[in-house]
Amino acid sequence: MAELKYEIIETIAVLSESPKGWTKELNLVSWNGRSPKYDLRDWAPNHEKMGKGVTLSEEELAKLKDVLNNHL
């Protein structure tokens, strides 16, 4: 399996923290040298491990924002 490379360009928000120190974060992340995308996932302390998450383009994030604003 190829090595997964990532760079957190910007931490936008930390939404929650578990008792073990894992945080659910919305970040702008560049995966494998590609253009940064919005990324929502759990991270271990110091970002050495990550959980499964979802990655969204700017357009997808804007649509999600509209849907949530209308729903909530």
PDB file of N, CA and C in Angstrom:
ATOM      1  N   MET A   1       0.838  -1.180   0.000  1.00  0.00           N
ATOM      2  CA  MET A   1       0.000   0.000   0.000  1.00  0.00           C
ATOM      3  C   MET A   1       0.884   1.244   0.000  1.00  0.00           C
ATOM      4  N   ALA A   2       0.542   2.210  -0.856  1.00  0.00           N
ATOM      5  CA  ALA A   2       1.323   3.439  -0.963  1.00  0.00           C
ATOM      6  C   ALA A   2       1.183   4.280   0.303  1.00  0.00           C
ATOM      7  N   GLU A   3       2.245   5.008   0.603  1.00  0.00           N
ATOM      8  CA  GLU A   3       2.221   5.882   1.778  1.00  0.00           C
ATOM      9  C   GLU A   3       1.277   7.057   1.524  1.00  0.00           C
ATOM     10  N   LEU A   4       0.459   7.340   2.502  1.00  0.00           N
ATOM     11  CA  LEU A   4      -0.479   8.460   2.426  1.00  0.00           C
ATOM     12  C   LEU A   4       0.218   9.707   2.952  1.00  0.00           C
ATOM     13  N   LYS A   5       0.317  10.731   2.102  1.00  0.00           N
ATOM     14  CA  LYS A   5       0.953  11.981   2.512  1.00  0.00           C
ATOM     15  C   LYS A   5      -0.123  13.042   2.652  1.00  0.00           C
ATOM     16  N   TYR A   6      -0.023  13.824   3.709  1.00  0.00           N
ATOM     17  CA  TYR A   6      -0.997  14.892   3.916  1.00  0.00           C
ATOM     18  C   TYR A   6      -0.324  16.080   4.581  1.00  0.00           C
ATOM     19  N   GLU A   7      -0.895  17.246   4.315  1.00  0.00           N
ATOM     20  CA  GLU A   7      -0.444  18.473   4.970  1.00  0.00           C
ATOM     21  C   GLU A   7      -1.685  19.251   5.382  1.00  0.00           C
ATOM     22  N   ILE A   8      -1.816  19.511   6.674  1.00  0.00           N
ATOM     23  CA  ILE A   8      -2.921  20.331   7.157  1.00  0.00           C
ATOM     24  C   ILE A   8      -2.536  21.784   6.895  1.00  0.00           C
ATOM     25  N   ILE A   9      -3.229  22.387   5.938  1.00  0.00           N
ATOM     26  CA  ILE A   9      -2.952  23.763   5.543  1.00  0.00           C
ATOM     27  C   ILE A   9      -3.524  24.737   6.567  1.00  0.00           C
ATOM     28  N   GLU A  10      -4.747  24.436   7.038  1.00  0.00           N
ATOM     29  CA  GLU A  10      -5.417  25.316   7.999  1.00  0.00           C
ATOM     30  C   GLU A  10      -6.367  24.501   8.862  1.00  0.00           C
ATOM     31  N   THR A  11      -6.317  24.701  10.162  1.00  0.00           N
ATOM     32  CA  THR A  11      -7.321  24.141  11.066  1.00  0.00           C
ATOM     33  C   THR A  11      -8.430  25.175  11.181  1.00  0.00           C
ATOM     34  N   ILE A  12      -9.616  24.794  10.720  1.00  0.00           N
ATOM     35  CA  ILE A  12     -10.753  25.717  10.709  1.00  0.00           C
ATOM     36  C   ILE A  12     -11.505  25.647  12.026  1.00  0.00           C
ATOM     37  N   ALA A  13     -11.719  24.421  12.538  1.00  0.00           N
ATOM     38  CA  ALA A  13     -12.455  24.274  13.801  1.00  0.00           C
ATOM     39  C   ALA A  13     -12.173  22.916  14.415  1.00  0.00           C
ATOM     40  N   VAL A  14     -12.107  22.895  15.740  1.00  0.00           N
ATOM     41  CA  VAL A  14     -12.111  21.649  16.509  1.00  0.00           C
ATOM     42  C   VAL A  14     -13.517  21.542  17.084  1.00  0.00           C
ATOM     43  N   LEU A  15     -14.263  20.526  16.637  1.00  0.00           N
ATOM     44  CA  LEU A  15     -15.673  20.405  16.999  1.00  0.00           C
ATOM     45  C   LEU A  15     -15.891  19.699  18.324  1.00  0.00           C
ATOM     46  N   SER A  16     -15.015  18.745  18.653  1.00  0.00           N
ATOM     47  CA  SER A  16     -15.154  18.025  19.922  1.00  0.00           C
ATOM     48  C   SER A  16     -13.839  17.334  20.246  1.00  0.00           C
ATOM     49  N   GLU A  17     -13.741  16.877  21.504  1.00  0.00           N
ATOM     50  CA  GLU A  17     -12.564  16.125  21.946  1.00  0.00           C
ATOM     51  C   GLU A  17     -13.023  14.973  22.811  1.00  0.00           C
ATOM     52  N   SER A  18     -12.483  13.778  22.537  1.00  0.00           N
ATOM     53  CA  SER A  18     -12.829  12.590  23.311  1.00  0.00           C
ATOM     54  C   SER A  18     -11.996  12.542  24.587  1.00  0.00           C
ATOM     55  N   PRO A  19     -12.391  11.704  25.558  1.00  0.00           N
ATOM     56  CA  PRO A  19     -11.591  11.565  26.786  1.00  0.00           C
ATOM     57  C   PRO A  19     -10.149  11.107  26.517  1.00  0.00           C
ATOM     58  N   LYS A  20      -9.916  10.412  25.389  1.00  0.00           N
ATOM     59  CA  LYS A  20      -8.561   9.949  25.057  1.00  0.00           C
ATOM     60  C   LYS A  20      -7.763  10.983  24.277  1.00  0.00           C
ATOM     61  N   GLY A  21      -8.348  12.165  24.063  1.00  0.00           N
ATOM     62  CA  GLY A  21      -7.615  13.236  23.408  1.00  0.00           C
ATOM     63  C   GLY A  21      -7.802  13.342  21.906  1.00  0.00           C
ATOM     64  N   TRP A  22      -8.557  12.413  21.298  1.00  0.00           N
ATOM     65  CA  TRP A  22      -8.837  12.515  19.871  1.00  0.00           C
ATOM     66  C   TRP A  22      -9.779  13.686  19.638  1.00  0.00           C
ATOM     67  N   THR A  23      -9.554  14.420  18.548  1.00  0.00           N
ATOM     68  CA  THR A  23     -10.390  15.574  18.241  1.00  0.00           C
ATOM     69  C   THR A  23     -11.067  15.396  16.888  1.00  0.00           C
ATOM     70  N   LYS A  24     -12.313  15.848  16.806  1.00  0.00           N
ATOM     71  CA  LYS A  24     -13.032  15.891  15.534  1.00  0.00           C
ATOM     72  C   LYS A  24     -12.809  17.286  14.982  1.00  0.00           C
ATOM     73  N   GLU A  25     -12.173  17.364  13.792  1.00  0.00           N
ATOM     74  CA  GLU A  25     -11.730  18.647  13.258  1.00  0.00           C
ATOM     75  C   GLU A  25     -12.204  18.866  11.830  1.00  0.00           C
ATOM     76  N   LEU A  26     -12.446  20.133  11.520  1.00  0.00           N
ATOM     77  CA  LEU A  26     -12.634  20.565  10.141  1.00  0.00           C
ATOM     78  C   LEU A  26     -11.357  21.288   9.749  1.00  0.00           C
ATOM     79  N   ASN A  27     -10.656  20.732   8.769  1.00  0.00           N
ATOM     80  CA  ASN A  27      -9.376  21.277   8.322  1.00  0.00           C
ATOM     81  C   ASN A  27      -9.375  21.457   6.814  1.00  0.00           C
ATOM     82  N   LEU A  28      -8.468  22.266   6.339  1.00  0.00           N
ATOM     83  CA  LEU A  28      -8.154  22.349   4.922  1.00  0.00           C
ATOM     84  C   LEU A  28      -6.883  21.525   4.746  1.00  0.00           C
ATOM     85  N   VAL A  29      -6.984  20.426   3.966  1.00  0.00           N
ATOM     86  CA  VAL A  29      -5.895  19.453   3.890  1.00  0.00           C
ATOM     87  C   VAL A  29      -5.504  19.196   2.435  1.00  0.00           C
ATOM     88  N   SER A  30      -4.209  19.143   2.190  1.00  0.00           N
ATOM     89  CA  SER A  30      -3.677  18.711   0.904  1.00  0.00           C
ATOM     90  C   SER A  30      -3.294  17.237   1.037  1.00  0.00           C
ATOM     91  N   TRP A  31      -3.916  16.389   0.221  1.00  0.00           N
ATOM     92  CA  TRP A  31      -3.643  14.950   0.238  1.00  0.00           C
ATOM     93  C   TRP A  31      -2.742  14.596  -0.940  1.00  0.00           C
ATOM     94  N   ASN A  32      -1.615  13.956  -0.665  1.00  0.00           N
ATOM     95  CA  ASN A  32      -0.679  13.497  -1.691  1.00  0.00           C
ATOM     96  C   ASN A  32      -0.279  14.608  -2.660  1.00  0.00           C
ATOM     97  N   GLY A  33      -0.072  15.816  -2.130  1.00  0.00           N
ATOM     98  CA  GLY A  33       0.395  16.927  -2.941  1.00  0.00           C
ATOM     99  C   GLY A  33      -0.661  17.577  -3.821  1.00  0.00           C
ATOM    100  N   ARG A  34      -1.898  17.155  -3.697  1.00  0.00           N
ATOM    101  CA  ARG A  34      -2.972  17.727  -4.517  1.00  0.00           C
ATOM    102  C   ARG A  34      -3.481  19.029  -3.906  1.00  0.00           C
ATOM    103  N   SER A  35      -4.387  19.683  -4.644  1.00  0.00           N
ATOM    104  CA  SER A  35      -5.005  20.918  -4.153  1.00  0.00           C
ATOM    105  C   SER A  35      -5.732  20.642  -2.847  1.00  0.00           C
ATOM    106  N   PRO A  36      -5.674  21.575  -1.901  1.00  0.00           N
ATOM    107  CA  PRO A  36      -6.333  21.362  -0.604  1.00  0.00           C
ATOM    108  C   PRO A  36      -7.850  21.248  -0.738  1.00  0.00           C
ATOM    109  N   LYS A  37      -8.423  20.399   0.123  1.00  0.00           N
ATOM    110  CA  LYS A  37      -9.874  20.238   0.218  1.00  0.00           C
ATOM    111  C   LYS A  37     -10.263  20.307   1.686  1.00  0.00           C
ATOM    112  N   TYR A  38     -11.537  20.556   1.916  1.00  0.00           N
ATOM    113  CA  TYR A  38     -12.062  20.587   3.282  1.00  0.00           C
ATOM    114  C   TYR A  38     -12.207  19.157   3.768  1.00  0.00           C
ATOM    115  N   ASP A  39     -11.815  18.917   5.005  1.00  0.00           N
ATOM    116  CA  ASP A  39     -11.732  17.559   5.521  1.00  0.00           C
ATOM    117  C   ASP A  39     -12.277  17.522   6.944  1.00  0.00           C
ATOM    118  N   LEU A  40     -13.217  16.618   7.180  1.00  0.00           N
ATOM    119  CA  LEU A  40     -13.817  16.444   8.503  1.00  0.00           C
ATOM    120  C   LEU A  40     -13.525  15.029   8.967  1.00  0.00           C
ATOM    121  N   ARG A  41     -12.761  14.901  10.069  1.00  0.00           N
ATOM    122  CA  ARG A  41     -12.412  13.573  10.588  1.00  0.00           C
ATOM    123  C   ARG A  41     -11.882  13.679  12.010  1.00  0.00           C
ATOM    124  N   ASP A  42     -11.731  12.510  12.651  1.00  0.00           N
ATOM    125  CA  ASP A  42     -11.120  12.415  13.978  1.00  0.00           C
ATOM    126  C   ASP A  42      -9.606  12.311  13.825  1.00  0.00           C
ATOM    127  N   TRP A  43      -8.904  13.011  14.714  1.00  0.00           N
ATOM    128  CA  TRP A  43      -7.441  12.992  14.733  1.00  0.00           C
ATOM    129  C   TRP A  43      -6.950  12.645  16.132  1.00  0.00           C
ATOM    130  N   ALA A  44      -5.904  11.822  16.177  1.00  0.00           N
ATOM    131  CA  ALA A  44      -5.230  11.534  17.441  1.00  0.00           C
ATOM    132  C   ALA A  44      -4.443  12.779  17.855  1.00  0.00           C
ATOM    133  N   PRO A  45      -4.071  12.852  19.133  1.00  0.00           N
ATOM    134  CA  PRO A  45      -3.234  13.980  19.559  1.00  0.00           C
ATOM    135  C   PRO A  45      -1.991  14.100  18.668  1.00  0.00           C
ATOM    136  N   ASN A  46      -1.616  15.319  18.345  1.00  0.00           N
ATOM    137  CA  ASN A  46      -0.453  15.635  17.498  1.00  0.00           C
ATOM    138  C   ASN A  46      -0.613  15.177  16.050  1.00  0.00           C
ATOM    139  N   HIS A  47      -1.827  14.771  15.674  1.00  0.00           N
ATOM    140  CA  HIS A  47      -2.148  14.371  14.297  1.00  0.00           C
ATOM    141  C   HIS A  47      -1.301  13.203  13.790  1.00  0.00           C
ATOM    142  N   GLU A  48      -0.863  12.308  14.687  1.00  0.00           N
ATOM    143  CA  GLU A  48      -0.047  11.179  14.227  1.00  0.00           C
ATOM    144  C   GLU A  48      -0.896  10.040  13.673  1.00  0.00           C
ATOM    145  N   LYS A  49      -2.178  10.001  14.018  1.00  0.00           N
ATOM    146  CA  LYS A  49      -3.110   9.004  13.474  1.00  0.00           C
ATOM    147  C   LYS A  49      -4.411   9.711  13.145  1.00  0.00           C
ATOM    148  N   MET A  50      -5.182   9.099  12.233  1.00  0.00           N
ATOM    149  CA  MET A  50      -6.460   9.680  11.855  1.00  0.00           C
ATOM    150  C   MET A  50      -7.514   8.597  11.721  1.00  0.00           C
ATOM    151  N   GLY A  51      -8.765   8.995  11.924  1.00  0.00           N
ATOM    152  CA  GLY A  51      -9.886   8.104  11.692  1.00  0.00           C
ATOM    153  C   GLY A  51     -10.430   8.327  10.288  1.00  0.00           C
ATOM    154  N   LYS A  52     -11.452   7.547   9.945  1.00  0.00           N
ATOM    155  CA  LYS A  52     -12.112   7.749   8.659  1.00  0.00           C
ATOM    156  C   LYS A  52     -12.805   9.100   8.668  1.00  0.00           C
ATOM    157  N   GLY A  53     -12.878   9.708   7.511  1.00  0.00           N
ATOM    158  CA  GLY A  53     -13.490  11.020   7.430  1.00  0.00           C
ATOM    159  C   GLY A  53     -14.104  11.259   6.073  1.00  0.00           C
ATOM    160  N   VAL A  54     -14.467  12.501   5.845  1.00  0.00           N
ATOM    161  CA  VAL A  54     -15.048  12.905   4.567  1.00  0.00           C
ATOM    162  C   VAL A  54     -14.293  14.139   4.079  1.00  0.00           C
ATOM    163  N   THR A  55     -14.009  14.152   2.779  1.00  0.00           N
ATOM    164  CA  THR A  55     -13.305  15.256   2.149  1.00  0.00           C
ATOM    165  C   THR A  55     -14.244  15.914   1.150  1.00  0.00           C
ATOM    166  N   LEU A  56     -14.325  17.245   1.206  1.00  0.00           N
ATOM    167  CA  LEU A  56     -15.266  17.989   0.372  1.00  0.00           C
ATOM    168  C   LEU A  56     -14.557  19.105  -0.389  1.00  0.00           C
ATOM    169  N   SER A  57     -15.013  19.320  -1.630  1.00  0.00           N
ATOM    170  CA  SER A  57     -14.545  20.486  -2.377  1.00  0.00           C
ATOM    171  C   SER A  57     -15.211  21.731  -1.795  1.00  0.00           C
ATOM    172  N   GLU A  58     -14.762  22.902  -2.221  1.00  0.00           N
ATOM    173  CA  GLU A  58     -15.375  24.143  -1.746  1.00  0.00           C
ATOM    174  C   GLU A  58     -16.855  24.202  -2.141  1.00  0.00           C
ATOM    175  N   GLU A  59     -17.175  23.728  -3.350  1.00  0.00           N
ATOM    176  CA  GLU A  59     -18.562  23.725  -3.812  1.00  0.00           C
ATOM    177  C   GLU A  59     -19.422  22.782  -2.976  1.00  0.00           C
ATOM    178  N   GLU A  60     -18.888  21.602  -2.664  1.00  0.00           N
ATOM    179  CA  GLU A  60     -19.631  20.643  -1.838  1.00  0.00           C
ATOM    180  C   GLU A  60     -19.848  21.184  -0.431  1.00  0.00           C
ATOM    181  N   LEU A  61     -18.835  21.834   0.130  1.00  0.00           N
ATOM    182  CA  LEU A  61     -18.972  22.407   1.468  1.00  0.00           C
ATOM    183  C   LEU A  61     -20.018  23.519   1.479  1.00  0.00           C
ATOM    184  N   ALA A  62     -20.038  24.355   0.433  1.00  0.00           N
ATOM    185  CA  ALA A  62     -21.038  25.428   0.341  1.00  0.00           C
ATOM    186  C   ALA A  62     -22.446  24.845   0.251  1.00  0.00           C
ATOM    187  N   LYS A  63     -22.611  23.770  -0.522  1.00  0.00           N
ATOM    188  CA  LYS A  63     -23.927  23.135  -0.637  1.00  0.00           C
ATOM    189  C   LYS A  63     -24.341  22.529   0.700  1.00  0.00           C
ATOM    190  N   LEU A  64     -23.415  21.872   1.389  1.00  0.00           N
ATOM    191  CA  LEU A  64     -23.708  21.307   2.706  1.00  0.00           C
ATOM    192  C   LEU A  64     -24.112  22.409   3.678  1.00  0.00           C
ATOM    193  N   LYS A  65     -23.422  23.530   3.640  1.00  0.00           N
ATOM    194  CA  LYS A  65     -23.766  24.673   4.502  1.00  0.00           C
ATOM    195  C   LYS A  65     -25.195  25.135   4.232  1.00  0.00           C
ATOM    196  N   ASP A  66     -25.568  25.261   2.957  1.00  0.00           N
ATOM    197  CA  ASP A  66     -26.930  25.671   2.605  1.00  0.00           C
ATOM    198  C   ASP A  66     -27.957  24.668   3.109  1.00  0.00           C
ATOM    199  N   VAL A  67     -27.686  23.379   2.918  1.00  0.00           N
ATOM    200  CA  VAL A  67     -28.605  22.330   3.371  1.00  0.00           C
ATOM    201  C   VAL A  67     -28.781  22.400   4.883  1.00  0.00           C
ATOM    202  N   LEU A  68     -27.679  22.533   5.621  1.00  0.00           N
ATOM    203  CA  LEU A  68     -27.759  22.592   7.084  1.00  0.00           C
ATOM    204  C   LEU A  68     -28.466  23.856   7.560  1.00  0.00           C
ATOM    205  N   ASN A  69     -28.211  24.985   6.909  1.00  0.00           N
ATOM    206  CA  ASN A  69     -28.895  26.227   7.286  1.00  0.00           C
ATOM    207  C   ASN A  69     -30.402  26.099   7.099  1.00  0.00           C
ATOM    208  N   ASN A  70     -30.835  25.427   6.040  1.00  0.00           N
ATOM    209  CA  ASN A  70     -32.261  25.241   5.785  1.00  0.00           C
ATOM    210  C   ASN A  70     -32.875  24.188   6.698  1.00  0.00           C
ATOM    211  N   HIS A  71     -32.080  23.233   7.133  1.00  0.00           N
ATOM    212  CA  HIS A  71     -32.587  22.132   7.957  1.00  0.00           C
ATOM    213  C   HIS A  71     -32.669  22.503   9.437  1.00  0.00           C
ATOM    214  N   LEU A  72     -31.712  23.259   9.914  1.00  0.00           N
ATOM    215  CA  LEU A  72     -31.637  23.560  11.347  1.00  0.00           C
ATOM    216  C   LEU A  72     -32.447  24.758  11.703  1.00  0.00           C
TER     217      LEU A  72
END
